[in-house]
Amino acid sequence: MTADLEAAVAVTNDRSRGIQVYHWSASNDHLLYLRDTGGDENDHVHVVDLSSGEARDLTPFAGARSVLWQKSWSNPDEIVVGINARNPERFDPYRINIRTGQMRFLFQNEDYESFVFDDGLEPRVGVRRTPDGGSEIHRADRDDTGALSWTRIGVIPPADTRNTSLQGMAPDGQHIYLLDSRGRDKAALVTMSLADGSVKVLAEDPKADVAGVLFEPATREVMAYSVNYQRTRWYGLDEDGQRHADNVAREVPGDARILGLSRDGNQWIIAANAPQDPIPYYLYDRRDGKARRLFSSYPALSQMPLQPVHPVTIESRDGLEMVSYLTLPAGADANGDGRADALAPMVLLVHGGPWARDTYGYGAFSQWLANRGYAVLQVNYRGSTGFGKAFLNASAREWAGKMHDDLIDAVEWAVEQGITRPDQVAIMGGSYGGYATLVGLTFTPERFACGVDIVGPSNLVTLLSSIPPYWTSLLDEFSRLVGDPRTEAGRALLTERSPLSRVDAIEKPLLIGQGANDPRVKQAESDQIVAALTEKDLPVT
């Protein structure tokens, strides 16, 4: 089909929420996608038969969430899916035939957050949380009767949980791949022995965590890995892999996201993340080292005046390096050096998570705001991921504390750089970014001209008391990083760091957006601060 894109036809016709996550089946004749209902995050796994166009819900459990754990080359019609229908806090594994819909319950899961299955769809490794907020890695074994037993082969301390993750089975079936920050600051790509838990480092970087891994599809050999400090860069694990990484950097503009490979590994689908060319797709052929442009995700924007994005590093008041991204409005940077020729109003656009990060590339909000005459600054404040565990853990119990100081330091940097005036800065963001907006208008009300809060928590006590059931095992980690709602001292800290406790300080215009079905930041988080502002006759939309 890539040889004749004019003949391409849509293979999905889901008119509900839209498809955010999809996978090709191992046989390539079905498409699998995850979709929730009305934003409730209870994803179901759907399958589309490419020959007939028939779409079916493979996990039709009302009110339950499904996660796709494994597909198989040797069993191409079968997948393993985790479903929390029995217990909302735990996902039981099911083996499902995608052609017939036949579902087989594998075993009852009482302890584990996630699993690694081999290509035969056998459980090999499980990860379970520990009361201190850390995790344990357990090996699965079967006895002569087929009963499963579990043996601990590794421990992930609380400081490493956000930087250490399983990446699947290695080709020999006796090791697993991990991104692992244990014993180091930046997460490295390692193999871990299932026999004794010993670790061998395959790749690491001094500036940032290993961010992504590219595997040979059929063998699971590592071909390349990516690192993202200011920009994403791919590196080969050997000379041949490096040659292809260099080819991709030359052939594909912007930062490359390698989305899928043909079974023989020769053809790669790549999405390019470039600020002024929004998400073009390329087909890279490993045999000749060339990439061919296929299409753009947003062709209507191809002639629009999109602006460059400039990576900058801002130092916090206590010496942390905060990788940030500056987008200037049209006409504000005549020589293209990333510095404003004249002062412009600025929006501090705060990412959610907070255990996530901003990256280089096209951003709908930042480009829309720049088109309207605003400079936009996106800051990877402490707690952002990808910059090592010390940077992430520097955010522990610093909500509305040093995490907010980082944002203020970034605003002061922008003023010092001649980008904006101190009285012309707005703050805006979603989820944690919405919380940061409310903090900005309550803890430092003189600093911002206005705020836009999108699904932001207003009360940290009620936030942590109403998390989705499948996050229950994360409560110890949340307590370590945010505050413990189960203790009097913890509730006092959470109350003190909650914007709802400082509503009287709000004096600037505030716009709030909220999703009615949001399971993480429930509607009550917005309703209660709107009610408090209304009661005090303070303006809020």
Protein backbone atom coordinates (compact mmCIF):
# COMPACT_ATOMS: atom_id res chain seq x y z
CA MET A 1 0.00 0.00 0.00
CA THR A 2 2.89 2.41 0.65
CA ALA A 3 3.74 2.16 -3.04
CA ASP A 4 0.39 3.73 -3.96
CA LEU A 5 -0.91 6.05 -1.24
CA GLU A 6 -3.68 7.27 -3.52
CA ALA A 7 -5.23 3.81 -3.19
CA ALA A 8 -5.15 3.92 0.61
CA VAL A 9 -8.46 3.40 2.40
CA ALA A 10 -9.46 3.96 6.02
CA VAL A 11 -9.55 0.72 7.99
CA THR A 12 -11.27 2.07 11.11
CA ASN A 13 -14.57 3.86 11.52
CA ASP A 14 -14.83 4.38 15.26
CA ARG A 15 -16.97 7.48 15.84
CA SER A 16 -16.84 7.47 19.61
CA ARG A 17 -13.76 8.89 21.35
CA GLY A 18 -11.21 8.58 18.57
CA ILE A 19 -8.33 6.10 18.46
CA GLN A 20 -5.32 7.11 20.55
CA VAL A 21 -3.40 3.80 20.70
CA TYR A 22 -3.23 1.08 18.06
CA HIS A 23 -1.15 -2.00 17.23
CA TRP A 24 -0.88 -4.27 14.19
CA SER A 25 -1.53 -7.91 14.88
CA ALA A 26 1.43 -10.24 14.40
CA SER A 27 -0.27 -11.67 11.31
CA ASN A 28 -0.78 -8.15 9.86
CA ASP A 29 -4.37 -8.87 8.84
CA HIS A 30 -5.97 -7.29 11.90
CA LEU A 31 -5.60 -3.95 13.63
CA LEU A 32 -5.92 -3.71 17.41
CA TYR A 33 -6.81 -0.46 19.12
CA LEU A 34 -7.65 0.76 22.62
CA ARG A 35 -10.54 3.15 23.25
CA ASP A 36 -12.38 4.30 26.36
CA THR A 37 -15.89 5.71 26.75
CA GLY A 38 -16.36 9.42 27.25
CA GLY A 39 -12.93 9.93 28.78
CA ASP A 40 -13.37 7.46 31.65
CA GLU A 41 -10.00 5.79 30.81
CA ASN A 42 -11.59 2.34 30.98
CA ASP A 43 -9.99 1.25 27.72
CA HIS A 44 -11.34 -1.76 25.83
CA VAL A 45 -9.29 -3.67 23.25
CA HIS A 46 -10.99 -3.55 19.84
CA VAL A 47 -10.01 -5.52 16.74
CA VAL A 48 -10.65 -4.68 13.07
CA ASP A 49 -10.55 -7.35 10.37
CA LEU A 50 -8.77 -5.62 7.48
CA SER A 51 -10.42 -7.78 4.83
CA SER A 52 -14.03 -7.34 5.95
CA GLY A 53 -13.80 -4.10 7.90
CA GLU A 54 -15.65 -5.72 10.82
CA ALA A 55 -14.79 -4.20 14.21
CA ARG A 56 -15.37 -6.00 17.50
CA ASP A 57 -14.82 -5.27 21.19
CA LEU A 58 -12.62 -8.09 22.49
CA THR A 59 -12.98 -7.05 26.15
CA PRO A 60 -16.67 -6.11 26.64
CA PHE A 61 -16.54 -5.79 30.43
CA ALA A 62 -18.62 -2.80 31.58
CA GLY A 63 -16.70 -0.46 33.86
CA ALA A 64 -13.43 -2.39 33.49
CA ARG A 65 -10.11 -1.29 32.03
CA SER A 66 -8.00 -3.42 29.69
CA VAL A 67 -4.28 -3.29 28.88
CA LEU A 68 -2.60 -5.09 25.99
CA TRP A 69 0.41 -6.96 27.38
CA GLN A 70 1.71 -9.21 24.63
CA LYS A 71 1.30 -10.33 21.04
CA SER A 72 3.19 -13.24 19.53
CA TRP A 73 5.00 -14.14 16.29
CA SER A 74 4.59 -17.86 16.96
CA ASN A 75 0.89 -17.47 17.89
CA PRO A 76 -0.09 -14.57 15.60
CA ASP A 77 -3.84 -14.87 16.24
CA GLU A 78 -3.51 -14.62 20.02
CA ILE A 79 -2.75 -11.85 22.47
CA VAL A 80 -2.51 -11.51 26.25
CA VAL A 81 -4.64 -8.78 27.79
CA GLY A 82 -4.92 -7.63 31.39
CA ILE A 83 -8.47 -6.82 32.60
CA ASN A 84 -9.52 -5.49 36.02
CA ALA A 85 -13.13 -6.74 35.89
CA ARG A 86 -12.76 -9.10 38.88
CA ASN A 87 -10.87 -6.66 41.09
CA PRO A 88 -10.64 -2.98 40.04
CA GLU A 89 -7.21 -2.78 41.70
CA ARG A 90 -5.64 -5.71 39.80
CA PHE A 91 -5.43 -6.79 36.17
CA ASP A 92 -5.96 -10.51 35.56
CA PRO A 93 -4.31 -11.89 32.40
CA TYR A 94 -6.50 -13.37 29.65
CA ARG A 95 -5.42 -15.05 26.45
CA ILE A 96 -7.68 -13.95 23.58
CA ASN A 97 -7.99 -15.22 20.02
CA ILE A 98 -8.46 -12.10 17.91
CA ARG A 99 -10.20 -14.00 15.07
CA THR A 100 -12.79 -15.83 17.14
CA GLY A 101 -12.92 -13.65 20.24
CA GLN A 102 -12.46 -16.76 22.40
CA MET A 103 -11.10 -15.72 25.78
CA ARG A 104 -9.23 -17.88 28.29
CA PHE A 105 -8.57 -16.78 31.88
CA LEU A 106 -4.91 -17.52 32.65
CA PHE A 107 -4.57 -16.97 36.39
CA GLN A 108 -5.82 -14.80 39.23
CA ASN A 109 -3.51 -11.88 39.90
CA GLU A 110 -3.47 -10.70 43.50
CA ASP A 111 -0.08 -9.00 43.74
CA TYR A 112 1.43 -7.85 40.46
CA GLU A 113 1.40 -4.52 38.66
CA SER A 114 2.60 -5.84 35.33
CA PHE A 115 4.05 -8.89 33.64
CA VAL A 116 6.46 -9.90 30.88
CA PHE A 117 5.31 -12.78 28.68
CA ASP A 118 7.48 -14.63 26.21
CA ASP A 119 6.61 -15.22 22.55
CA GLY A 120 4.76 -18.38 23.54
CA LEU A 121 2.56 -16.15 25.75
CA GLU A 122 3.87 -17.74 28.93
CA PRO A 123 4.34 -15.46 31.99
CA ARG A 124 8.04 -15.09 32.75
CA VAL A 125 8.35 -12.04 35.01
CA GLY A 126 6.06 -10.05 37.29
CA VAL A 127 6.55 -6.74 39.07
CA ARG A 128 4.83 -5.97 42.35
CA ARG A 129 4.84 -2.91 44.57
CA THR A 130 6.29 -2.88 48.08
CA PRO A 131 4.94 -0.87 51.06
CA ASP A 132 7.87 1.58 50.92
CA GLY A 133 6.91 2.71 47.39
CA GLY A 134 9.47 0.52 45.65
CA SER A 135 8.99 -2.66 43.63
CA GLU A 136 10.20 -6.24 43.38
CA ILE A 137 10.94 -8.21 40.20
CA HIS A 138 9.82 -11.85 40.38
CA ARG A 139 10.55 -14.75 38.03
CA ALA A 140 7.67 -17.06 37.13
CA ASP A 141 8.20 -20.85 37.16
CA ARG A 142 5.82 -23.75 36.50
CA ASP A 143 6.02 -27.07 38.33
CA ASP A 144 5.15 -30.48 36.87
CA THR A 145 1.44 -29.83 37.43
CA GLY A 146 1.57 -26.50 35.60
CA ALA A 147 1.13 -24.45 38.78
CA LEU A 148 2.89 -21.08 38.85
CA SER A 149 5.37 -20.07 41.53
CA TRP A 150 7.23 -16.79 41.88
CA THR A 151 10.83 -16.11 42.96
CA ARG A 152 12.22 -12.67 43.71
CA ILE A 153 15.23 -11.86 41.52
CA GLY A 154 15.47 -8.08 41.91
CA VAL A 155 14.48 -5.09 44.01
CA ILE A 156 13.73 -1.61 42.72
CA PRO A 157 14.19 0.97 45.52
CA PRO A 158 11.62 3.79 45.79
CA ALA A 159 14.06 6.32 44.32
CA ASP A 160 14.34 4.22 41.16
CA THR A 161 10.72 3.28 40.46
CA ARG A 162 10.08 6.10 38.00
CA ASN A 163 13.35 5.51 36.11
CA THR A 164 13.37 1.71 35.96
CA SER A 165 11.05 -0.26 33.68
CA LEU A 166 10.88 -3.68 32.04
CA GLN A 167 11.28 -3.76 28.24
CA GLY A 168 10.53 -7.38 27.48
CA MET A 169 12.28 -10.68 26.85
CA ALA A 170 15.75 -11.00 25.40
CA PRO A 171 16.28 -13.48 22.51
CA ASP A 172 17.79 -16.24 24.68
CA GLY A 173 14.70 -16.47 26.89
CA GLN A 174 16.94 -16.34 29.96
CA HIS A 175 17.24 -12.57 30.27
CA ILE A 176 14.96 -9.55 30.17
CA TYR A 177 15.69 -6.03 29.02
CA LEU A 178 15.32 -3.15 31.46
CA LEU A 179 15.77 0.58 31.50
CA ASP A 180 17.51 0.66 34.85
CA SER A 181 18.68 3.54 37.10
CA ARG A 182 19.71 1.33 40.02
CA GLY A 183 23.31 2.08 41.00
CA ARG A 184 23.48 5.10 38.69
CA ASP A 185 21.66 8.37 38.13
CA LYS A 186 20.69 8.10 34.45
CA ALA A 187 18.68 5.06 33.36
CA ALA A 188 20.75 2.65 31.26
CA LEU A 189 19.65 -0.11 28.90
CA VAL A 190 20.59 -3.39 30.56
CA THR A 191 19.92 -7.11 30.43
CA MET A 192 18.93 -8.90 33.63
CA SER A 193 19.45 -12.62 34.23
CA LEU A 194 16.31 -14.54 35.19
CA ALA A 195 18.52 -17.01 37.04
CA ASP A 196 20.16 -14.69 39.54
CA GLY A 197 19.12 -11.09 38.74
CA SER A 198 22.61 -10.06 37.61
CA VAL A 199 22.72 -7.09 35.26
CA LYS A 200 24.82 -6.22 32.21
CA VAL A 201 24.83 -2.67 30.84
CA LEU A 202 24.29 -2.39 27.07
CA ALA A 203 24.04 1.40 26.68
CA GLU A 204 23.96 4.57 28.79
CA ASP A 205 24.38 8.32 28.45
CA PRO A 206 25.86 10.86 30.88
CA LYS A 207 23.29 13.61 30.18
CA ALA A 208 19.93 11.83 30.08
CA ASP A 209 18.13 8.54 30.55
CA VAL A 210 17.94 6.04 27.71
CA ALA A 211 14.48 6.91 26.39
CA GLY A 212 13.60 4.29 23.77
CA VAL A 213 14.80 0.97 22.39
CA LEU A 214 14.49 -0.39 18.84
CA PHE A 215 14.34 -4.18 18.55
CA GLU A 216 14.63 -6.55 15.61
CA PRO A 217 10.98 -7.64 15.36
CA ALA A 218 11.44 -11.38 15.01
CA THR A 219 14.52 -11.91 17.20
CA ARG A 220 14.26 -9.15 19.84
CA GLU A 221 17.91 -8.23 19.32
CA VAL A 222 18.58 -4.57 20.14
CA MET A 223 19.23 -2.52 17.02
CA ALA A 224 19.39 1.00 18.46
CA TYR A 225 18.41 3.18 21.41
CA SER A 226 17.44 6.81 21.83
CA VAL A 227 18.41 9.54 24.29
CA ASN A 228 16.53 12.80 24.69
CA TYR A 229 18.22 15.69 26.47
CA GLN A 230 17.25 18.79 24.47
CA ARG A 231 16.62 16.75 21.30
CA THR A 232 16.08 13.06 20.55
CA ARG A 233 19.09 11.24 19.14
CA TRP A 234 19.33 7.60 18.05
CA TYR A 235 22.45 5.48 18.57
CA GLY A 236 23.29 2.04 17.26
CA LEU A 237 24.41 -0.72 19.57
CA ASP A 238 26.97 -1.79 16.95
CA GLU A 239 28.51 -0.38 13.77
CA ASP A 240 25.61 -1.44 11.58
CA GLY A 241 23.06 0.00 13.98
CA GLN A 242 24.97 3.29 14.15
CA ARG A 243 25.00 3.50 10.36
CA HIS A 244 21.21 3.30 10.30
CA ALA A 245 20.89 5.77 13.17
CA ASP A 246 23.04 8.20 11.16
CA ASN A 247 20.95 7.57 8.06
CA VAL A 248 17.72 8.34 9.91
CA ALA A 249 19.20 11.57 11.31
CA ARG A 250 20.20 12.61 7.78
CA GLU A 251 17.04 11.52 5.97
CA VAL A 252 14.32 12.54 8.44
CA PRO A 253 13.93 16.18 9.56
CA GLY A 254 13.32 16.99 13.20
CA ASP A 255 13.34 14.32 15.91
CA ALA A 256 12.54 10.80 14.69
CA ARG A 257 10.00 8.54 16.40
CA ILE A 258 10.37 5.02 15.03
CA LEU A 259 6.83 3.64 15.22
CA GLY A 260 7.00 0.21 13.61
CA LEU A 261 9.08 -2.20 11.57
CA SER A 262 8.28 -4.85 9.00
CA ARG A 263 8.75 -8.38 10.29
CA ASP A 264 12.11 -8.70 8.54
CA GLY A 265 13.20 -5.36 10.02
CA ASN A 266 14.00 -3.84 6.64
CA GLN A 267 11.27 -1.21 6.50
CA TRP A 268 10.63 1.30 9.27
CA ILE A 269 7.72 3.67 9.72
CA ILE A 270 9.00 6.93 11.22
CA ALA A 271 7.13 10.01 12.39
CA ALA A 272 9.21 13.17 12.33
CA ASN A 273 8.64 15.68 15.12
CA ALA A 274 9.56 19.04 13.61
CA PRO A 275 8.01 22.33 14.81
CA GLN A 276 7.32 23.79 11.39
CA ASP A 277 6.42 20.56 9.58
CA PRO A 278 3.79 18.94 11.77
CA ILE A 279 4.29 15.21 12.00
CA PRO A 280 5.20 13.92 8.53
CA TYR A 281 5.55 10.15 8.16
CA TYR A 282 8.46 8.46 6.38
CA LEU A 283 9.23 4.96 5.17
CA TYR A 284 12.89 4.13 5.82
CA ASP A 285 14.42 1.20 3.93
CA ARG A 286 17.33 -0.39 5.72
CA ARG A 287 18.59 -1.97 2.51
CA ASP A 288 19.48 1.31 0.78
CA GLY A 289 19.53 3.67 3.78
CA LYS A 290 16.95 6.00 2.23
CA ALA A 291 13.72 7.45 3.65
CA ARG A 292 10.71 8.32 1.53
CA ARG A 293 8.14 10.83 2.73
CA LEU A 294 4.65 9.33 2.84
CA PHE A 295 2.25 12.00 4.11
CA SER A 296 1.69 14.71 6.71
CA SER A 297 -0.58 14.28 9.71
CA TYR A 298 -1.76 17.89 9.38
CA PRO A 299 -1.67 18.86 5.69
CA ALA A 300 -3.87 21.91 6.33
CA LEU A 301 -1.04 23.41 8.40
CA SER A 302 1.61 23.00 5.71
CA GLN A 303 1.18 26.58 4.46
CA MET A 304 0.63 28.15 7.87
CA PRO A 305 3.22 30.43 9.51
CA LEU A 306 4.46 27.95 12.09
CA GLN A 307 7.34 29.13 14.27
CA PRO A 308 10.68 27.53 15.21
CA VAL A 309 11.09 26.03 18.67
CA HIS A 310 14.33 26.86 20.46
CA PRO A 311 15.74 24.48 23.08
CA VAL A 312 17.25 26.39 26.01
CA THR A 313 18.65 25.33 29.36
CA ILE A 314 17.65 27.45 32.35
CA GLU A 315 19.38 27.16 35.73
CA SER A 316 17.19 26.97 38.81
CA ARG A 317 18.07 29.01 41.90
CA ASP A 318 19.65 25.90 43.49
CA GLY A 319 21.66 24.96 40.42
CA LEU A 320 19.53 22.41 38.54
CA GLU A 321 19.60 22.39 34.73
CA MET A 322 16.06 22.75 33.37
CA VAL A 323 15.80 21.86 29.68
CA SER A 324 13.12 24.16 28.26
CA TYR A 325 11.59 25.15 24.92
CA LEU A 326 10.90 28.68 23.71
CA THR A 327 8.52 29.51 20.86
CA LEU A 328 8.43 33.14 19.73
CA PRO A 329 5.61 34.84 17.83
CA ALA A 330 5.96 35.64 14.14
CA GLY A 331 8.19 38.63 13.49
CA ALA A 332 9.72 38.60 16.97
CA ASP A 333 13.04 37.05 15.91
CA ALA A 334 14.18 38.45 12.58
CA ASN A 335 17.63 36.81 12.57
CA GLY A 336 16.44 33.45 13.90
CA ASP A 337 18.82 33.34 16.85
CA GLY A 338 16.10 32.36 19.32
CA ARG A 339 16.14 35.70 21.09
CA ALA A 340 13.28 38.17 20.89
CA ASP A 341 13.81 41.45 19.03
CA ALA A 342 11.02 43.07 21.02
CA LEU A 343 9.08 42.31 24.19
CA ALA A 344 5.99 40.14 23.78
CA PRO A 345 3.35 38.88 26.20
CA MET A 346 4.27 35.34 27.29
CA VAL A 347 2.45 32.19 28.29
CA LEU A 348 4.21 29.83 30.69
CA LEU A 349 2.83 26.51 29.42
CA VAL A 350 3.30 23.89 32.17
CA HIS A 351 3.26 20.18 31.29
CA GLY A 352 1.21 17.66 33.22
CA GLY A 353 2.30 14.57 35.08
CA PRO A 354 4.30 15.91 36.76
CA TRP A 355 6.29 12.76 35.96
CA ALA A 356 6.42 13.49 32.24
CA ARG A 357 8.30 16.04 30.14
CA ASP A 358 8.13 18.57 27.34
CA THR A 359 9.98 17.68 24.15
CA TYR A 360 11.16 19.36 20.98
CA GLY A 361 8.80 19.45 18.04
CA TYR A 362 5.37 20.54 16.90
CA GLY A 363 2.97 21.57 19.66
CA ALA A 364 -0.61 22.61 18.89
CA PHE A 365 -0.99 24.88 21.93
CA SER A 366 2.40 26.56 21.56
CA GLN A 367 1.95 27.21 17.82
CA TRP A 368 -1.61 28.50 18.30
CA LEU A 369 -0.48 30.89 21.04
CA ALA A 370 2.53 32.06 19.02
CA ASN A 371 0.21 32.70 16.08
CA ARG A 372 -1.82 34.98 18.37
CA GLY A 373 1.24 37.00 19.33
CA TYR A 374 2.45 35.27 22.49
CA ALA A 375 5.87 33.94 23.33
CA VAL A 376 5.54 30.46 24.85
CA LEU A 377 7.94 28.97 27.39
CA GLN A 378 7.76 25.27 28.30
CA VAL A 379 9.90 24.23 31.26
CA ASN A 380 11.03 20.81 32.41
CA TYR A 381 10.91 21.66 36.10
CA ARG A 382 12.24 19.24 38.74
CA GLY A 383 10.19 16.05 38.71
CA SER A 384 10.20 15.91 34.91
CA THR A 385 11.31 12.58 33.50
CA GLY A 386 14.27 11.74 31.30
CA PHE A 387 16.96 13.66 33.17
CA GLY A 388 17.96 11.09 35.77
CA LYS A 389 16.55 10.04 39.11
CA ALA A 390 18.19 12.83 41.15
CA PHE A 391 16.36 15.44 39.06
CA LEU A 392 13.08 13.56 39.37
CA ASN A 393 13.37 12.88 43.10
CA ALA A 394 14.32 16.51 43.80
CA SER A 395 10.55 17.06 43.46
CA ALA A 396 9.68 14.90 46.49
CA ARG A 397 7.08 16.80 48.55
CA GLU A 398 7.89 20.00 46.66
CA TRP A 399 4.47 20.57 45.06
CA ALA A 400 3.90 24.33 45.43
CA GLY A 401 7.44 24.44 46.83
CA LYS A 402 10.64 24.14 44.82
CA MET A 403 8.69 22.85 41.81
CA HIS A 404 6.90 26.20 41.73
CA ASP A 405 10.18 28.05 42.38
CA ASP A 406 11.50 26.46 39.18
CA LEU A 407 8.63 27.99 37.20
CA ILE A 408 9.21 31.40 38.77
CA ASP A 409 12.93 31.13 37.98
CA ALA A 410 12.04 30.42 34.34
CA VAL A 411 9.80 33.49 34.19
CA GLU A 412 12.58 35.63 35.64
CA TRP A 413 14.98 34.21 33.03
CA ALA A 414 12.56 35.20 30.26
CA VAL A 415 12.31 38.74 31.64
CA GLU A 416 16.10 39.01 31.93
CA GLN A 417 16.50 37.76 28.35
CA GLY A 418 14.25 40.51 27.02
CA ILE A 419 11.53 38.10 25.93
CA THR A 420 8.67 39.52 27.98
CA ARG A 421 7.68 42.01 30.67
CA PRO A 422 7.05 40.85 34.24
CA ASP A 423 3.44 42.10 34.12
CA GLN A 424 2.62 40.32 30.84
CA VAL A 425 3.02 36.66 31.76
CA ALA A 426 0.11 34.19 31.83
CA ILE A 427 0.31 30.65 33.25
CA MET A 428 -1.50 27.72 31.65
CA GLY A 429 -1.49 23.95 31.75
CA GLY A 430 -3.38 20.68 32.18
CA SER A 431 -3.46 18.18 35.05
CA TYR A 432 -0.35 19.02 37.11
CA GLY A 433 -0.01 22.02 34.80
CA GLY A 434 -3.53 23.04 35.86
CA TYR A 435 -2.50 22.65 39.50
CA ALA A 436 0.59 24.77 38.80
CA THR A 437 -1.71 27.41 37.31
CA LEU A 438 -3.82 27.49 40.48
CA VAL A 439 -0.65 27.61 42.58
CA GLY A 440 0.61 30.51 40.49
CA LEU A 441 -2.57 32.54 41.11
CA THR A 442 -2.76 31.68 44.84
CA PHE A 443 0.84 31.37 46.08
CA THR A 444 2.34 34.10 43.86
CA PRO A 445 -0.72 36.15 42.78
CA GLU A 446 1.36 39.17 41.81
CA ARG A 447 3.46 37.19 39.32
CA PHE A 448 0.89 36.27 36.65
CA ALA A 449 -1.54 38.37 34.65
CA CYS A 450 -4.07 35.51 34.34
CA GLY A 451 -4.33 31.73 34.41
CA VAL A 452 -5.86 28.88 32.40
CA ASP A 453 -6.35 25.72 34.48
CA ILE A 454 -7.25 22.56 32.55
CA VAL A 455 -8.29 19.64 34.82
CA GLY A 456 -6.05 20.87 37.62
CA PRO A 457 -6.29 19.56 41.21
CA SER A 458 -7.30 22.24 43.71
CA ASN A 459 -7.18 20.10 46.88
CA LEU A 460 -4.38 17.57 47.23
CA VAL A 461 -6.15 15.74 50.06
CA THR A 462 -9.22 15.00 47.96
CA LEU A 463 -7.06 14.31 44.91
CA LEU A 464 -5.13 11.51 46.61
CA SER A 465 -8.27 10.22 48.32
CA SER A 466 -10.08 9.68 45.03
CA ILE A 467 -7.50 8.10 42.72
CA PRO A 468 -8.66 5.37 40.28
CA PRO A 469 -8.75 1.93 41.93
CA TYR A 470 -6.01 0.60 39.64
CA TRP A 471 -3.69 3.25 41.11
CA THR A 472 -4.18 2.06 44.69
CA SER A 473 -0.82 0.30 44.77
CA LEU A 474 0.83 3.60 43.78
CA LEU A 475 -0.41 5.37 46.91
CA ASP A 476 2.85 4.73 48.79
CA GLU A 477 4.80 6.28 45.93
CA PHE A 478 2.43 9.25 45.74
CA SER A 479 2.79 9.67 49.51
CA ARG A 480 6.57 9.78 49.18
CA LEU A 481 6.56 12.26 46.32
CA VAL A 482 3.51 14.41 47.16
CA GLY A 483 2.39 13.80 50.75
CA ASP A 484 0.61 11.11 52.75
CA PRO A 485 -3.18 11.59 53.07
CA ARG A 486 -3.30 8.74 55.63
CA THR A 487 -1.45 10.67 58.37
CA GLU A 488 -2.27 13.87 60.21
CA ALA A 489 1.08 15.43 59.30
CA GLY A 490 0.66 14.36 55.69
CA ARG A 491 -2.82 15.85 55.45
CA ALA A 492 -1.52 19.08 56.97
CA LEU A 493 1.21 19.29 54.31
CA LEU A 494 -1.24 18.50 51.51
CA THR A 495 -3.71 21.10 52.79
CA GLU A 496 -0.98 23.73 53.05
CA ARG A 497 0.10 23.02 49.44
CA SER A 498 -3.47 23.10 48.07
CA PRO A 499 -4.64 26.16 46.10
CA LEU A 500 -8.10 25.73 47.64
CA SER A 501 -6.60 26.81 50.97
CA ARG A 502 -5.52 30.15 49.47
CA VAL A 503 -8.52 31.12 47.39
CA ASP A 504 -8.58 34.58 49.02
CA ALA A 505 -5.28 35.39 47.31
CA ILE A 506 -6.66 35.09 43.77
CA GLU A 507 -6.94 38.51 42.16
CA LYS A 508 -6.33 37.80 38.47
CA PRO A 509 -8.70 36.33 35.84
CA LEU A 510 -8.97 32.54 35.92
CA LEU A 511 -10.38 30.20 33.27
CA ILE A 512 -11.04 26.57 34.24
CA GLY A 513 -11.68 23.62 31.90
CA GLN A 514 -12.77 20.24 33.27
CA GLY A 515 -13.74 16.86 31.83
CA ALA A 516 -16.89 15.43 33.40
CA ASN A 517 -15.62 11.82 33.32
CA ASP A 518 -11.97 12.37 34.25
CA PRO A 519 -11.05 9.47 36.61
CA ARG A 520 -7.79 11.00 37.85
CA VAL A 521 -8.66 14.64 38.48
CA LYS A 522 -12.34 14.34 39.17
CA GLN A 523 -14.83 17.11 38.44
CA ALA A 524 -15.03 17.89 42.18
CA GLU A 525 -11.49 19.31 41.99
CA SER A 526 -12.72 22.09 39.72
CA ASP A 527 -16.19 22.38 41.27
CA GLN A 528 -14.87 23.06 44.77
CA ILE A 529 -12.56 25.90 43.78
CA VAL A 530 -15.25 27.43 41.55
CA ALA A 531 -17.67 27.26 44.51
CA ALA A 532 -15.13 28.88 46.82
CA LEU A 533 -14.45 31.69 44.37
CA THR A 534 -18.15 32.23 43.70
CA GLU A 535 -18.88 32.39 47.42
CA LYS A 536 -16.26 35.12 47.80
CA ASP A 537 -17.58 36.94 44.73
CA LEU A 538 -14.28 36.46 42.86
CA PRO A 539 -14.38 36.18 39.06
CA VAL A 540 -13.92 32.73 37.53
CA THR A 541 -15.04 31.22 34.22
